Amino acid sequence: MSSEASDPRDEDDSPRRHQSAVSYWGPAIAVSLSMFIAVIDSTLMNVAVPAIVSDLDTTVPVVQGAIAVYSLVMAALMLPGSKLPSIYGVRRLMQVTLVVYAAGTLLAAVSWSPTVLYVGWSVIEGAASAVLMPLTFTVLVVTYEGTDRAKALGLLAGVNATGAAIGPILGGALTTFASWRWGFALEAVVVVVALVFVRYVTAAPLTQERGSLDLGGTALSVVGATSLVVGFLLAGKFGWLVATRPFVAFGVPFTPFGTSPAVWLIGLGLLAFAAFAQYELRLERLGGSPLVPIRILTNRAFTAGSLTFGARSLVMAGFIFVVPVYLQSGLGYTAFGAGVAMLPFSIGTLLVSTFTTGWRNYVSPKTLIQAGVVLMGLGLLLLFERTAPGQTAASMAVPMAVIGVGVGLLMPQLVNTTLSAVPQTDSSEASGVMNAVGMLGYALGTAVVGAFLLGQFYRGVIDGVLRAGDVTVSVAQRDDLARALQQAAETATASTQQAFVAGLPPAERELLEGIFEAAMIGAHRGTLLLLVILTLLTLAASAFIPRDSGRP
């Protein structure tokens, strides 16, 4: 998997030992910058929602819809996007994709209506990100090997975590002191810098034979990914099986037999992927060029690594969702303050992922992966133990850092082990599959953990009100009241709580302010325990990774 001068794919390259540090690490810098803008994109939007609503004279659901469509476009196009490097070559594709991304982010920056924002950010940037995400891993796999590859992957993992924490800080600062539009404009500047380093990426194609895009597989994968992601997102609001509230699409109610739309969409997604697997197998047997070679899916090390990657994404999606909500709703932090409070997590991830990559020479990568998962669980338990009224960001620093150390130890080893298990000619498709599994895990984690947090919060509010009035009801009645409260007013954020409480008489206002705080603290503690359970699921998935997989 080397890219040495003797590599027939890249005969014009000088030997790597004679390259300057800039040209040698240029590809790693280019993909790290690409990953950074992809990661901060959503977090920038999340904290800027109120400002965008005011500026574009629209509503919160419309702007939140843009965020959902962005994620949906990424998930739907991830597998087709991963096939493109085998057709057009890595450097050329990366250059074109970054230019397209820049066009989308500039259009979003100057958007004068929600429609323009949807086109620039949700569609154009979403499609470009679907190509960039798997391409970042592919570039590192074909450029580096051994310890250097592990270092590059460690840097990428650290950039990922740092972007997740810096996004709210940067977005909050820009929205408060300038404009949300500057966030998109700055992304275009980062793209320009990334393009400077893309010239160091190999221009050679991944294979000698130019492939073609599998249209049948593309259609089935788009239907499958879209259905699953939308199903997961709707499940958090409308229930997984039985409808918890009416669902109306384009003015038409859809609750067949009283069921949630989520169960139908998830079922459709699973059927589409089953058909996709059958179609790809048949195409490969006929000598065609499948979107995903079946040999990748039958590779034990790759499959186990991808499942572990998806389970980790599920945990991280929940963690990144629940902590900022708790900090802002339970402790009254601003989005900027929440980002600062999460910095120990990002710093821990960045440092450990960068400086422990050589440990694989002495310890099995599987052991390092599992040690990282255990540290994630330990950090979540420490965070659970320290969650209480009056909690400060300082008291959260150690648990946050422990979680970050766990992620930093886990991520580079996991990605390296997973992608090293397949031939280099299949690295792009393998990266696409791994990232697609990660996207599905992220969507599932957001739906499961988000629904659990909000459900616990509303139940806590109901319990607090009933205790204050010395009233006793059944569990079923309490759940009905909690759902009614959730439908009547979304009070899980600090601003909506204040608006809700402001309309009450003084005595009730004082009572509910205390109830909201207690309910959020209780919901946060319960959700952290759920994340610990999901971390155990990640540990179980990692047990199937071969012991010597990924060793030099």
Protein backbone atom coordinates (compact mmCIF):
# COMPACT_ATOMS: atom_id res chain seq x y z
CA MET A 1 0.00 0.00 0.00
CA SER A 2 2.98 2.25 -0.36
CA SER A 3 3.21 5.26 -2.62
CA GLU A 4 6.99 4.98 -3.10
CA ALA A 5 8.58 5.91 -6.43
CA SER A 6 8.71 2.25 -7.33
CA ASP A 7 4.93 2.10 -7.15
CA PRO A 8 3.77 1.68 -10.79
CA ARG A 9 0.69 3.79 -10.03
CA ASP A 10 2.80 6.88 -9.42
CA GLU A 11 6.04 6.56 -11.36
CA ASP A 12 6.58 10.32 -11.62
CA ASP A 13 6.80 10.79 -7.84
CA SER A 14 10.26 11.08 -6.32
CA PRO A 15 11.07 8.69 -3.50
CA ARG A 16 9.37 9.78 -0.28
CA ARG A 17 12.60 9.82 1.67
CA HIS A 18 13.81 12.70 -0.59
CA GLN A 19 10.61 14.76 -0.22
CA SER A 20 10.40 17.86 1.92
CA ALA A 21 8.25 17.75 5.04
CA VAL A 22 5.64 19.99 3.39
CA SER A 23 5.26 17.85 0.29
CA TYR A 24 5.33 14.61 2.29
CA TRP A 25 2.68 15.69 4.79
CA GLY A 26 0.82 17.88 2.29
CA PRO A 27 -1.86 15.23 1.58
CA ALA A 28 -2.50 14.79 5.33
CA ILE A 29 -2.88 18.56 5.74
CA ALA A 30 -5.25 18.75 2.77
CA VAL A 31 -7.57 16.02 4.05
CA SER A 32 -7.45 17.35 7.62
CA LEU A 33 -8.61 20.77 6.42
CA SER A 34 -11.31 19.08 4.36
CA MET A 35 -12.49 17.10 7.37
CA PHE A 36 -12.45 20.23 9.51
CA ILE A 37 -14.85 22.19 7.31
CA ALA A 38 -17.15 19.18 6.97
CA VAL A 39 -17.32 18.74 10.75
CA ILE A 40 -17.85 22.38 11.76
CA ASP A 41 -20.47 22.94 9.07
CA SER A 42 -23.39 21.48 11.04
CA THR A 43 -22.34 22.92 14.39
CA LEU A 44 -22.05 26.39 12.87
CA MET A 45 -25.62 26.10 11.61
CA ASN A 46 -27.02 24.73 14.86
CA VAL A 47 -25.97 27.72 16.98
CA ALA A 48 -26.93 30.24 14.29
CA VAL A 49 -30.53 29.05 13.84
CA PRO A 50 -32.21 32.05 15.59
CA ALA A 51 -30.09 34.56 13.65
CA ILE A 52 -30.80 32.85 10.32
CA VAL A 53 -34.53 32.77 11.09
CA SER A 54 -34.51 36.52 11.71
CA ASP A 55 -32.25 37.39 8.78
CA LEU A 56 -34.14 35.33 6.18
CA ASP A 57 -37.58 36.07 7.69
CA THR A 58 -38.43 32.38 8.04
CA THR A 59 -39.22 29.89 10.82
CA VAL A 60 -37.19 27.56 13.04
CA PRO A 61 -38.58 24.35 11.44
CA VAL A 62 -37.53 25.62 7.99
CA VAL A 63 -33.93 26.19 9.08
CA GLN A 64 -33.83 22.91 11.03
CA GLY A 65 -35.10 21.29 7.83
CA ALA A 66 -32.03 22.60 6.01
CA ILE A 67 -29.83 20.87 8.59
CA ALA A 68 -31.78 17.62 8.19
CA VAL A 69 -31.60 17.75 4.38
CA TYR A 70 -27.83 18.36 4.56
CA SER A 71 -27.37 15.17 6.60
CA LEU A 72 -29.78 13.30 4.35
CA VAL A 73 -27.94 14.25 1.15
CA MET A 74 -24.63 13.18 2.72
CA ALA A 75 -26.01 9.80 3.78
CA ALA A 76 -27.73 9.14 0.45
CA LEU A 77 -24.68 9.91 -1.71
CA MET A 78 -21.91 8.49 0.50
CA LEU A 79 -21.65 5.09 -1.25
CA PRO A 80 -21.89 6.44 -4.82
CA GLY A 81 -19.41 9.17 -3.90
CA SER A 82 -16.88 6.61 -2.68
CA LYS A 83 -16.83 4.98 -6.14
CA LEU A 84 -15.71 8.15 -7.93
CA PRO A 85 -11.97 7.98 -7.00
CA SER A 86 -11.75 4.68 -8.88
CA ILE A 87 -13.14 6.40 -11.96
CA TYR A 88 -11.53 9.84 -12.00
CA GLY A 89 -8.43 9.59 -9.80
CA VAL A 90 -7.88 10.91 -6.29
CA ARG A 91 -6.24 14.32 -6.83
CA ARG A 92 -8.53 15.44 -9.66
CA LEU A 93 -11.64 14.39 -7.78
CA MET A 94 -10.53 16.12 -4.59
CA GLN A 95 -9.80 19.36 -6.41
CA VAL A 96 -13.16 19.40 -8.20
CA THR A 97 -15.06 18.45 -5.04
CA LEU A 98 -13.44 21.22 -2.99
CA VAL A 99 -14.27 23.78 -5.69
CA VAL A 100 -17.89 22.58 -5.70
CA TYR A 101 -17.94 22.78 -1.90
CA ALA A 102 -16.61 26.35 -2.03
CA ALA A 103 -19.33 27.30 -4.53
CA GLY A 104 -21.98 25.89 -2.20
CA THR A 105 -20.66 27.60 0.92
CA LEU A 106 -20.34 30.97 -0.85
CA LEU A 107 -23.91 30.64 -2.13
CA ALA A 108 -25.03 29.89 1.44
CA ALA A 109 -23.09 32.93 2.69
CA VAL A 110 -24.95 35.31 0.36
CA SER A 111 -28.30 33.48 0.49
CA TRP A 112 -31.25 35.86 0.36
CA SER A 113 -33.97 33.27 0.96
CA PRO A 114 -34.41 29.83 2.57
CA THR A 115 -34.53 28.27 -0.90
CA VAL A 116 -31.08 29.60 -1.78
CA LEU A 117 -29.78 28.40 1.59
CA TYR A 118 -31.16 24.93 0.90
CA VAL A 119 -29.53 24.82 -2.55
CA GLY A 120 -26.15 26.13 -1.43
CA TRP A 121 -25.77 24.44 1.92
CA SER A 122 -28.06 21.42 2.06
CA VAL A 123 -27.71 20.22 -1.54
CA ILE A 124 -24.38 21.44 -2.97
CA GLU A 125 -22.33 21.29 0.24
CA GLY A 126 -24.07 18.07 1.30
CA ALA A 127 -23.22 16.37 -2.00
CA ALA A 128 -19.62 17.60 -1.86
CA SER A 129 -19.25 16.39 1.74
CA ALA A 130 -20.53 12.95 0.71
CA VAL A 131 -17.53 12.67 -1.62
CA LEU A 132 -15.02 14.38 0.69
CA MET A 133 -15.66 12.29 3.82
CA PRO A 134 -14.65 8.88 2.39
CA LEU A 135 -12.04 10.53 0.15
CA THR A 136 -10.12 11.82 3.18
CA PHE A 137 -9.47 8.27 4.43
CA THR A 138 -8.69 7.05 0.90
CA VAL A 139 -6.00 9.69 0.40
CA LEU A 140 -4.24 8.68 3.62
CA VAL A 141 -4.43 4.96 2.80
CA VAL A 142 -2.89 5.36 -0.67
CA THR A 143 -0.29 7.93 0.45
CA TYR A 144 1.13 6.55 3.70
CA GLU A 145 1.78 3.23 5.32
CA GLY A 146 2.92 1.88 8.65
CA THR A 147 3.47 4.36 11.47
CA ASP A 148 3.11 7.38 9.17
CA ARG A 149 -0.37 6.28 8.14
CA ALA A 150 -1.32 5.84 11.77
CA LYS A 151 0.00 9.35 12.52
CA ALA A 152 -1.99 10.85 9.66
CA LEU A 153 -5.16 9.06 10.77
CA GLY A 154 -4.53 10.22 14.33
CA LEU A 155 -4.29 13.80 13.15
CA LEU A 156 -7.54 13.35 11.23
CA ALA A 157 -9.30 11.98 14.33
CA GLY A 158 -8.04 14.90 16.40
CA VAL A 159 -9.21 17.42 13.81
CA ASN A 160 -12.62 15.73 13.80
CA ALA A 161 -13.03 16.12 17.56
CA THR A 162 -11.59 19.63 17.60
CA GLY A 163 -13.99 20.75 14.88
CA ALA A 164 -16.94 19.39 16.86
CA ALA A 165 -15.99 21.59 19.84
CA ILE A 166 -14.76 24.64 17.95
CA GLY A 167 -17.89 24.78 15.77
CA PRO A 168 -20.18 26.10 18.53
CA ILE A 169 -17.48 28.49 19.77
CA LEU A 170 -16.80 29.89 16.32
CA GLY A 171 -20.46 29.91 15.33
CA GLY A 172 -21.50 31.57 18.57
CA ALA A 173 -18.79 34.23 18.31
CA LEU A 174 -19.52 35.03 14.66
CA THR A 175 -23.28 35.11 15.22
CA THR A 176 -22.93 37.33 18.28
CA PHE A 177 -20.27 39.76 17.11
CA ALA A 178 -20.58 39.69 13.29
CA SER A 179 -22.92 37.55 11.18
CA TRP A 180 -23.69 33.88 10.63
CA ARG A 181 -22.78 34.47 6.97
CA TRP A 182 -19.11 34.84 7.93
CA GLY A 183 -19.07 31.21 9.04
CA PHE A 184 -19.77 30.04 5.50
CA ALA A 185 -17.36 32.59 4.05
CA LEU A 186 -14.54 31.37 6.32
CA GLU A 187 -15.15 27.81 5.12
CA ALA A 188 -14.42 29.01 1.58
CA VAL A 189 -11.13 30.46 2.81
CA VAL A 190 -10.20 27.09 4.36
CA VAL A 191 -11.04 25.42 1.03
CA VAL A 192 -8.56 27.70 -0.76
CA VAL A 193 -5.82 26.72 1.72
CA ALA A 194 -6.69 23.02 1.31
CA LEU A 195 -6.43 23.34 -2.48
CA VAL A 196 -2.83 24.56 -2.05
CA PHE A 197 -1.91 21.23 -0.43
CA VAL A 198 -4.02 19.02 -2.71
CA ARG A 199 -1.34 19.34 -5.37
CA TYR A 200 0.80 16.99 -3.25
CA VAL A 201 -1.84 14.24 -3.50
CA THR A 202 -1.03 11.48 -5.96
CA ALA A 203 -2.54 11.99 -9.42
CA ALA A 204 -2.52 8.29 -10.28
CA PRO A 205 -5.82 6.36 -10.38
CA LEU A 206 -6.45 3.69 -7.76
CA THR A 207 -6.60 0.97 -10.42
CA GLN A 208 -5.20 0.56 -13.91
CA GLU A 209 -8.67 -0.13 -15.30
CA ARG A 210 -11.09 2.78 -15.16
CA GLY A 211 -14.36 1.69 -13.59
CA SER A 212 -17.88 2.94 -14.19
CA LEU A 213 -20.66 4.09 -11.90
CA ASP A 214 -23.10 1.33 -10.99
CA LEU A 215 -26.44 3.10 -11.58
CA GLY A 216 -28.60 0.24 -10.28
CA GLY A 217 -26.59 -0.06 -7.08
CA THR A 218 -26.56 3.72 -6.73
CA ALA A 219 -30.35 3.90 -6.91
CA LEU A 220 -30.83 1.12 -4.35
CA SER A 221 -28.23 2.57 -1.96
CA VAL A 222 -29.80 6.04 -2.17
CA VAL A 223 -33.25 4.63 -1.40
CA GLY A 224 -31.88 2.50 1.45
CA ALA A 225 -29.80 5.21 3.12
CA THR A 226 -32.48 7.88 2.70
CA SER A 227 -35.22 5.67 4.14
CA LEU A 228 -33.14 4.59 7.14
CA VAL A 229 -31.93 8.07 8.04
CA VAL A 230 -35.40 9.64 7.71
CA GLY A 231 -36.89 6.71 9.63
CA PHE A 232 -34.41 7.13 12.47
CA LEU A 233 -35.02 10.88 12.66
CA LEU A 234 -38.82 10.51 12.64
CA ALA A 235 -38.69 7.74 15.27
CA GLY A 236 -37.41 10.17 17.86
CA LYS A 237 -40.48 12.37 17.42
CA PHE A 238 -43.27 10.03 16.32
CA GLY A 239 -42.27 6.77 17.99
CA TRP A 240 -40.53 3.62 16.77
CA LEU A 241 -43.60 1.41 16.33
CA VAL A 242 -46.84 2.95 17.62
CA ALA A 243 -47.45 6.58 16.63
CA THR A 244 -47.06 8.89 19.65
CA ARG A 245 -48.47 11.85 17.72
CA PRO A 246 -50.15 12.41 14.32
CA PHE A 247 -47.84 12.50 11.31
CA VAL A 248 -48.89 14.71 8.39
CA ALA A 249 -46.96 14.92 5.11
CA PHE A 250 -48.01 17.50 2.51
CA GLY A 251 -51.34 17.88 4.25
CA VAL A 252 -52.05 14.13 4.23
CA PRO A 253 -52.08 12.22 7.57
CA PHE A 254 -50.07 8.99 7.56
CA THR A 255 -50.56 6.68 10.53
CA PRO A 256 -51.64 3.33 9.03
CA PHE A 257 -53.05 1.02 11.73
CA GLY A 258 -51.90 3.59 14.31
CA THR A 259 -48.23 2.92 13.54
CA SER A 260 -45.40 5.42 13.34
CA PRO A 261 -44.08 6.35 9.88
CA ALA A 262 -40.63 5.40 11.20
CA VAL A 263 -41.33 1.66 11.17
CA TRP A 264 -42.36 1.78 7.50
CA LEU A 265 -39.36 3.83 6.41
CA ILE A 266 -36.89 1.71 8.36
CA GLY A 267 -38.46 -1.42 6.88
CA LEU A 268 -38.17 0.06 3.38
CA GLY A 269 -34.53 0.94 4.01
CA LEU A 270 -33.67 -2.58 5.17
CA LEU A 271 -35.43 -4.09 2.14
CA ALA A 272 -33.59 -1.71 -0.19
CA PHE A 273 -30.21 -2.70 1.26
CA ALA A 274 -31.10 -6.40 1.04
CA ALA A 275 -31.94 -5.88 -2.62
CA PHE A 276 -28.72 -3.87 -2.99
CA ALA A 277 -26.62 -6.76 -1.68
CA GLN A 278 -28.32 -9.22 -4.06
CA TYR A 279 -27.93 -6.85 -7.00
CA GLU A 280 -24.24 -6.22 -6.30
CA LEU A 281 -23.54 -9.95 -5.98
CA ARG A 282 -25.25 -10.66 -9.29
CA LEU A 283 -23.44 -7.79 -11.03
CA GLU A 284 -20.06 -8.98 -9.76
CA ARG A 285 -20.74 -12.53 -10.94
CA LEU A 286 -21.55 -11.18 -14.41
CA GLY A 287 -18.20 -9.37 -14.52
CA GLY A 288 -19.58 -5.89 -13.96
CA SER A 289 -18.26 -3.09 -11.76
CA PRO A 290 -20.37 -3.07 -8.58
CA LEU A 291 -20.67 -0.04 -6.35
CA VAL A 292 -19.37 -2.15 -3.45
CA PRO A 293 -17.40 -5.33 -4.25
CA ILE A 294 -18.87 -8.22 -2.27
CA ARG A 295 -15.37 -9.30 -1.25
CA ILE A 296 -15.24 -6.21 0.95
CA LEU A 297 -18.39 -7.18 2.84
CA THR A 298 -17.17 -10.76 3.36
CA ASN A 299 -13.86 -9.56 4.83
CA ARG A 300 -14.13 -10.33 8.56
CA ALA A 301 -11.66 -7.71 9.77
CA PHE A 302 -13.24 -4.99 7.66
CA THR A 303 -16.81 -5.90 8.61
CA ALA A 304 -16.01 -6.06 12.33
CA GLY A 305 -14.13 -2.77 12.14
CA SER A 306 -16.98 -1.06 10.28
CA LEU A 307 -19.56 -2.28 12.80
CA THR A 308 -17.37 -1.00 15.63
CA PHE A 309 -17.02 2.31 13.79
CA GLY A 310 -20.81 2.54 13.47
CA ALA A 311 -21.35 1.71 17.14
CA ARG A 312 -18.78 4.34 18.14
CA SER A 313 -20.59 6.87 15.93
CA LEU A 314 -23.83 6.01 17.73
CA VAL A 315 -22.24 6.79 21.11
CA MET A 316 -20.53 9.96 19.90
CA ALA A 317 -23.71 11.26 18.25
CA GLY A 318 -25.52 10.89 21.55
CA PHE A 319 -22.66 12.44 23.52
CA ILE A 320 -22.33 15.46 21.24
CA PHE A 321 -26.12 15.93 21.34
CA VAL A 322 -26.79 15.52 25.05
CA VAL A 323 -23.90 17.46 26.58
CA PRO A 324 -24.50 20.81 24.80
CA VAL A 325 -28.26 20.53 25.49
CA TYR A 326 -27.56 19.90 29.17
CA LEU A 327 -25.01 22.70 29.43
CA GLN A 328 -27.35 25.22 27.82
CA SER A 329 -30.64 24.05 29.33
CA GLY A 330 -29.55 22.71 32.71
CA LEU A 331 -26.63 25.01 33.52
CA GLY A 332 -27.63 28.06 31.46
CA TYR A 333 -24.51 28.15 29.26
CA THR A 334 -24.46 29.94 25.93
CA ALA A 335 -23.51 27.97 22.80
CA PHE A 336 -20.08 29.61 23.02
CA GLY A 337 -19.69 28.56 26.67
CA ALA A 338 -20.81 25.02 25.88
CA GLY A 339 -18.11 24.75 23.23
CA VAL A 340 -15.47 25.97 25.71
CA ALA A 341 -16.66 23.41 28.29
CA MET A 342 -16.15 20.63 25.72
CA LEU A 343 -12.58 21.68 24.90
CA PRO A 344 -10.98 19.10 27.29
CA PHE A 345 -12.66 16.40 25.19
CA SER A 346 -11.26 17.81 21.95
CA ILE A 347 -7.79 18.44 23.37
CA GLY A 348 -7.62 14.93 24.79
CA THR A 349 -8.64 13.44 21.44
CA LEU A 350 -6.19 15.56 19.46
CA LEU A 351 -3.16 14.90 21.66
CA VAL A 352 -3.69 11.18 22.20
CA SER A 353 -4.66 10.42 18.61
CA THR A 354 -1.53 12.22 17.40
CA PHE A 355 1.09 10.92 19.83
CA THR A 356 0.05 7.31 20.49
CA THR A 357 -0.06 6.03 16.91
CA GLY A 358 3.29 4.24 17.28
CA TRP A 359 1.97 2.09 20.13
CA ARG A 360 0.63 -0.39 17.58
CA ASN A 361 4.23 -1.59 17.14
CA TYR A 362 4.20 -2.91 20.70
CA VAL A 363 0.54 -3.54 21.51
CA SER A 364 -2.13 -5.17 19.38
CA PRO A 365 -4.36 -2.54 17.67
CA LYS A 366 -7.37 -4.50 18.94
CA THR A 367 -6.17 -4.02 22.53
CA LEU A 368 -5.70 -0.28 21.95
CA ILE A 369 -9.18 -0.03 20.40
CA GLN A 370 -10.81 -1.82 23.30
CA ALA A 371 -8.83 0.21 25.85
CA GLY A 372 -10.14 3.35 24.16
CA VAL A 373 -13.72 2.09 24.36
CA VAL A 374 -13.29 1.29 28.07
CA LEU A 375 -11.93 4.81 28.72
CA MET A 376 -14.95 6.29 26.92
CA GLY A 377 -17.25 4.34 29.23
CA LEU A 378 -15.24 5.32 32.30
CA GLY A 379 -15.40 8.99 31.35
CA LEU A 380 -19.17 8.78 30.88
CA LEU A 381 -19.52 7.19 34.31
CA LEU A 382 -17.40 9.95 35.87
CA LEU A 383 -19.57 12.53 34.13
CA PHE A 384 -22.66 10.78 35.49
CA GLU A 385 -21.25 10.81 39.03
CA ARG A 386 -20.48 14.54 38.89
CA THR A 387 -23.81 15.63 37.41
CA ALA A 388 -25.59 17.66 40.10
CA PRO A 389 -27.08 21.12 40.73
CA GLY A 390 -24.37 23.75 40.74
CA GLN A 391 -22.07 21.68 38.54
CA THR A 392 -19.36 23.71 36.82
CA ALA A 393 -17.42 23.28 33.62
CA ALA A 394 -14.27 22.82 35.75
CA SER A 395 -15.78 19.79 37.49
CA MET A 396 -16.54 18.30 34.08
CA ALA A 397 -13.01 18.78 32.73
CA VAL A 398 -11.54 15.46 33.91
CA PRO A 399 -14.44 13.26 32.68
CA MET A 400 -14.44 15.14 29.36
CA ALA A 401 -10.70 14.64 29.02
CA VAL A 402 -11.00 10.90 29.80
CA ILE A 403 -13.64 10.51 27.08
CA GLY A 404 -11.39 12.43 24.68
CA VAL A 405 -8.39 10.23 25.54
CA GLY A 406 -10.53 7.15 24.85
CA VAL A 407 -11.66 8.47 21.47
CA GLY A 408 -8.09 9.49 20.62
CA LEU A 409 -6.79 6.02 21.41
CA LEU A 410 -9.64 4.32 19.57
CA MET A 411 -10.16 6.22 16.32
CA PRO A 412 -6.83 6.12 14.44
CA GLN A 413 -6.26 2.47 15.36
CA LEU A 414 -9.81 1.52 14.33
CA VAL A 415 -9.73 3.30 10.98
CA ASN A 416 -6.24 2.01 10.18
CA THR A 417 -7.15 -1.56 11.15
CA THR A 418 -10.39 -1.49 9.18
CA LEU A 419 -9.08 0.00 5.94
CA SER A 420 -5.79 -1.93 6.04
CA ALA A 421 -7.81 -5.13 5.90
CA VAL A 422 -8.76 -4.54 2.23
CA PRO A 423 -6.55 -4.23 -0.88
CA GLN A 424 -5.55 -0.69 -1.82
CA THR A 425 -7.54 -0.93 -5.04
CA ASP A 426 -10.69 -1.29 -2.93
CA SER A 427 -9.76 1.41 -0.41
CA SER A 428 -12.16 4.04 -1.77
CA GLU A 429 -15.20 1.75 -1.77
CA ALA A 430 -14.22 0.41 1.66
CA SER A 431 -13.92 3.96 3.02
CA GLY A 432 -17.37 4.71 1.61
CA VAL A 433 -18.92 1.69 3.31
CA MET A 434 -17.26 2.49 6.63
CA ASN A 435 -18.36 6.12 6.50
CA ALA A 436 -21.89 5.14 5.43
CA VAL A 437 -22.15 2.82 8.43
CA GLY A 438 -20.86 5.68 10.56
CA MET A 439 -23.49 8.06 9.15
CA LEU A 440 -26.26 5.56 9.88
CA GLY A 441 -24.88 5.10 13.40
CA TYR A 442 -24.80 8.86 13.86
CA ALA A 443 -28.42 9.23 12.71
CA LEU A 444 -29.53 6.34 14.92
CA GLY A 445 -27.64 7.73 17.90
CA THR A 446 -29.17 11.17 17.49
CA ALA A 447 -32.66 9.65 17.26
CA VAL A 448 -32.31 7.18 20.14
CA VAL A 449 -30.39 9.37 22.58
CA GLY A 450 -32.22 12.56 21.63
CA ALA A 451 -35.63 10.95 22.08
CA PHE A 452 -34.54 9.38 25.38
CA LEU A 453 -33.20 12.68 26.75
CA LEU A 454 -36.29 14.68 25.82
CA GLY A 455 -38.63 11.93 27.03
CA GLN A 456 -36.87 11.78 30.39
CA PHE A 457 -36.92 15.57 30.62
CA TYR A 458 -40.65 15.88 30.00
CA ARG A 459 -41.43 13.02 32.39
CA GLY A 460 -39.29 14.77 35.00
CA VAL A 461 -41.22 17.99 34.50
CA ILE A 462 -44.53 16.16 34.92
CA ASP A 463 -43.26 14.34 38.04
CA GLY A 464 -42.09 17.64 39.54
CA VAL A 465 -45.41 19.36 38.93
CA LEU A 466 -47.40 16.42 40.32
CA ARG A 467 -45.21 16.17 43.43
CA ALA A 468 -45.58 19.89 44.02
CA GLY A 469 -49.37 19.47 43.86
CA ASP A 470 -49.31 16.25 45.91
CA VAL A 471 -51.03 14.40 43.04
CA THR A 472 -50.53 10.72 42.19
CA VAL A 473 -51.09 9.29 38.68
CA SER A 474 -50.21 6.06 36.90
CA VAL A 475 -47.09 5.67 34.77
CA ALA A 476 -49.22 5.54 31.61
CA GLN A 477 -50.98 8.77 32.54
CA ARG A 478 -47.64 10.44 33.28
CA ASP A 479 -46.29 9.41 29.86
CA ASP A 480 -49.41 10.79 28.17
CA LEU A 481 -48.94 14.08 30.02
CA ALA A 482 -45.27 14.19 29.04
CA ARG A 483 -46.12 13.72 25.36
CA ALA A 484 -48.82 16.38 25.61
CA LEU A 485 -46.31 18.83 27.13
CA GLN A 486 -43.78 18.06 24.41
CA GLN A 487 -46.36 18.68 21.66
CA ALA A 488 -47.63 21.86 23.31
CA ALA A 489 -44.26 23.56 23.75
CA GLU A 490 -40.70 22.52 22.96
CA THR A 491 -39.20 23.58 26.31
CA ALA A 492 -35.91 21.70 26.25
CA THR A 493 -33.75 24.73 25.44
CA ALA A 494 -33.00 27.70 27.66
CA SER A 495 -34.72 30.22 25.36
CA THR A 496 -37.93 28.19 25.00
CA GLN A 497 -38.01 27.51 28.73
CA GLN A 498 -37.75 31.23 29.44
CA ALA A 499 -40.48 32.04 26.95
CA PHE A 500 -42.71 29.33 28.42
CA VAL A 501 -42.13 30.38 32.03
CA ALA A 502 -42.42 34.11 31.31
CA GLY A 503 -46.12 33.76 30.60
CA LEU A 504 -46.90 32.25 34.01
CA PRO A 505 -47.85 33.94 37.30
CA PRO A 506 -44.87 34.64 39.65
CA ALA A 507 -45.56 31.73 42.03
CA GLU A 508 -45.86 29.20 39.21
CA ARG A 509 -42.86 30.72 37.48
CA GLU A 510 -40.62 30.15 40.51
CA LEU A 511 -41.91 26.59 40.90
CA LEU A 512 -41.37 25.63 37.25
CA GLU A 513 -37.89 27.13 37.04
CA GLY A 514 -36.76 24.73 39.77
CA ILE A 515 -38.66 21.84 38.19
CA PHE A 516 -37.07 22.44 34.78
CA GLU A 517 -33.57 22.41 36.29
CA ALA A 518 -34.19 19.22 38.29
CA ALA A 519 -35.80 17.52 35.29
CA MET A 520 -32.88 18.32 32.98
CA ILE A 521 -30.32 17.11 35.52
CA GLY A 522 -32.24 13.86 35.99
CA ALA A 523 -32.64 13.40 32.22
CA HIS A 524 -28.92 14.05 31.69
CA ARG A 525 -27.93 11.43 34.28
CA GLY A 526 -30.26 8.85 32.77
CA THR A 527 -28.99 9.56 29.26
CA LEU A 528 -25.36 9.20 30.34
CA LEU A 529 -26.16 5.72 31.66
CA LEU A 530 -27.76 4.90 28.30
CA LEU A 531 -24.54 6.03 26.59
CA VAL A 532 -22.56 3.72 28.89
CA ILE A 533 -24.75 0.81 27.74
CA LEU A 534 -24.20 1.78 24.11
CA THR A 535 -20.45 1.92 24.82
CA LEU A 536 -20.66 -1.69 25.98
CA LEU A 537 -22.26 -2.44 22.59
CA THR A 538 -19.22 -0.87 20.92
CA LEU A 539 -16.93 -3.03 23.08
CA ALA A 540 -18.90 -6.13 22.07
CA ALA A 541 -18.57 -5.25 18.36
CA SER A 542 -14.81 -4.76 18.75
CA ALA A 543 -14.47 -8.31 20.09
CA PHE A 544 -14.85 -9.59 16.51
CA ILE A 545 -11.84 -7.66 15.22
CA PRO A 546 -8.96 -10.12 14.58
CA ARG A 547 -6.14 -9.78 17.11
CA ASP A 548 -3.36 -9.21 14.55
CA SER A 549 -5.39 -7.08 12.15
CA GLY A 550 -3.67 -3.76 11.38
CA ARG A 551 -0.27 -4.81 12.77
CA PRO A 552 2.73 -3.57 10.79
